[in-house]
Protein backbone atom coordinates (compact mmCIF):
# COMPACT_ATOMS: atom_id res chain seq x y z
CA UNK A 1 5.03 -0.98 2.21
CA UNK A 2 6.44 2.50 2.21
CA UNK A 3 3.57 5.00 2.20
CA UNK A 4 5.63 7.88 0.85
CA UNK A 5 6.78 5.81 -2.13
CA UNK A 6 3.19 4.77 -2.78
CA UNK A 7 2.00 8.40 -2.76
CA UNK A 8 4.78 9.44 -5.16
CA UNK A 9 3.92 6.50 -7.44
CA UNK A 10 0.22 7.41 -7.47
CA UNK A 11 1.04 11.03 -8.30
CA UNK A 12 3.38 9.90 -11.10
CA UNK A 13 0.68 7.64 -12.55
CA UNK A 14 -1.88 10.46 -12.37
CA UNK A 15 0.57 12.78 -14.13
CA UNK A 16 1.14 10.25 -16.90
CA UNK A 17 -2.62 9.81 -17.26
CA UNK A 18 -3.09 13.58 -17.50
CA UNK A 19 -0.70 13.72 -20.48
CA UNK A 20 -2.51 10.74 -22.06
CA UNK A 21 0.54 8.49 -21.96
CA UNK A 22 -1.19 5.14 -21.37
CA UNK A 23 1.97 3.14 -22.02
CA UNK A 24 3.68 5.05 -19.21
CA UNK A 25 0.77 4.38 -16.85
CA UNK A 26 0.85 0.63 -17.48
CA UNK A 27 4.66 0.49 -17.45
CA UNK A 28 4.81 2.29 -14.11
CA UNK A 29 2.17 0.04 -12.59
CA UNK A 30 3.93 -3.13 -13.76
CA UNK A 31 7.32 -1.87 -12.58
CA UNK A 32 5.95 -0.90 -9.15
CA UNK A 33 4.11 -4.19 -8.66
CA UNK A 34 7.26 -6.14 -9.47
CA UNK A 35 9.56 -3.99 -7.35
CA UNK A 36 7.38 -3.53 -4.26
CA UNK A 37 6.31 -7.20 -4.02
CA UNK A 38 3.44 -6.29 -1.73
CA UNK A 39 -0.09 -7.59 -2.16
CA UNK A 40 -1.65 -4.38 -0.85
CA UNK A 41 0.33 -2.18 -3.25
CA UNK A 42 -0.64 -4.38 -6.19
CA UNK A 43 -4.32 -4.14 -5.33
CA UNK A 44 -4.17 -0.38 -4.79
CA UNK A 45 -2.40 0.23 -8.09
CA UNK A 46 -4.85 -1.98 -9.99
CA UNK A 47 -7.76 -0.11 -8.36
CA UNK A 48 -6.12 3.19 -9.33
CA UNK A 49 -5.79 2.21 -12.99
CA UNK A 50 -9.38 0.92 -13.02
CA UNK A 51 -10.67 4.21 -11.55
CA UNK A 52 -8.62 6.27 -14.01
CA UNK A 53 -9.86 4.46 -17.06
CA UNK A 54 -13.42 4.32 -15.72
CA UNK A 55 -13.63 8.13 -15.75
CA UNK A 56 -11.79 8.43 -19.11
CA UNK A 57 -11.50 12.21 -18.78
CA UNK A 58 -8.97 14.22 -16.77
CA UNK A 59 -11.49 17.02 -16.06
CA UNK A 60 -13.75 14.58 -14.21
CA UNK A 61 -10.90 13.31 -12.05
CA UNK A 62 -9.41 16.71 -11.24
CA UNK A 63 -12.09 17.49 -8.66
CA UNK A 64 -11.77 14.08 -6.97
CA UNK A 65 -7.96 13.94 -6.93
CA UNK A 66 -7.41 14.47 -3.16
CA UNK A 67 -10.20 12.03 -2.34
CA UNK A 68 -8.72 9.41 -4.68
CA UNK A 69 -5.22 9.88 -3.27
CA UNK A 70 -6.18 9.62 0.39
CA UNK A 71 -8.67 6.84 -0.27
CA UNK A 72 -6.03 4.71 -1.98
CA UNK A 73 -3.48 5.29 0.78
CA UNK A 74 -6.05 4.34 3.44
CA UNK A 75 -7.00 1.26 1.40
CA UNK A 76 -3.32 0.24 1.20
CA UNK A 77 -2.87 0.67 4.94
CA UNK A 78 -5.99 -1.37 5.73
CA UNK A 79 -5.05 -4.16 3.33
CA UNK A 80 -1.46 -4.18 4.60
CA UNK A 81 -2.43 -4.59 8.25
CA UNK A 82 -1.36 -7.87 9.73
CA UNK A 83 -2.73 -9.34 12.93
CA UNK A 84 -0.43 -8.86 15.88
CA UNK A 85 1.24 -12.12 16.94
CA UNK A 86 0.16 -13.50 20.28
CA UNK A 87 2.77 -13.22 22.98
CA UNK A 88 3.56 -16.53 24.59
CA UNK A 89 2.56 -17.00 28.17
CA UNK A 90 5.60 -16.96 30.40
CA UNK A 91 6.20 -19.41 33.19
CA UNK A 92 6.88 -18.17 36.67
CA UNK A 93 10.60 -17.73 37.25
CA UNK A 94 12.39 -20.59 38.92
CA UNK A 95 13.14 -19.40 42.42
CA UNK A 96 15.79 -22.07 43.02
CA UNK A 97 17.88 -21.17 40.00
CA UNK A 98 21.58 -21.93 40.12
CA UNK A 99 21.74 -21.83 43.92
CA UNK A 100 20.03 -25.18 44.26
CA UNK A 101 16.90 -25.84 46.21
CA UNK A 102 17.14 -25.53 49.93
């Protein structure tokens, strides 16, 4: 997931919502979900659309805009975290090697 692309996408969706272009909001969300192919991005964008249509008024969202933006980016980072793979235990190096054992 590219965080900068996600932030630009969220801002674009918020701008489309401000101008009351619902078809553009849903089109952008569908296009981003299909192009990013990331589970965390899909969840964040669905949460964004749910929050936008829950408030139903741009004046209510205007005050919470920075909180919504940073909250969604943090949510995407947390969801996108993968556990670090365990490093295999290494065997002690063979002291004989190519020289043969003496």
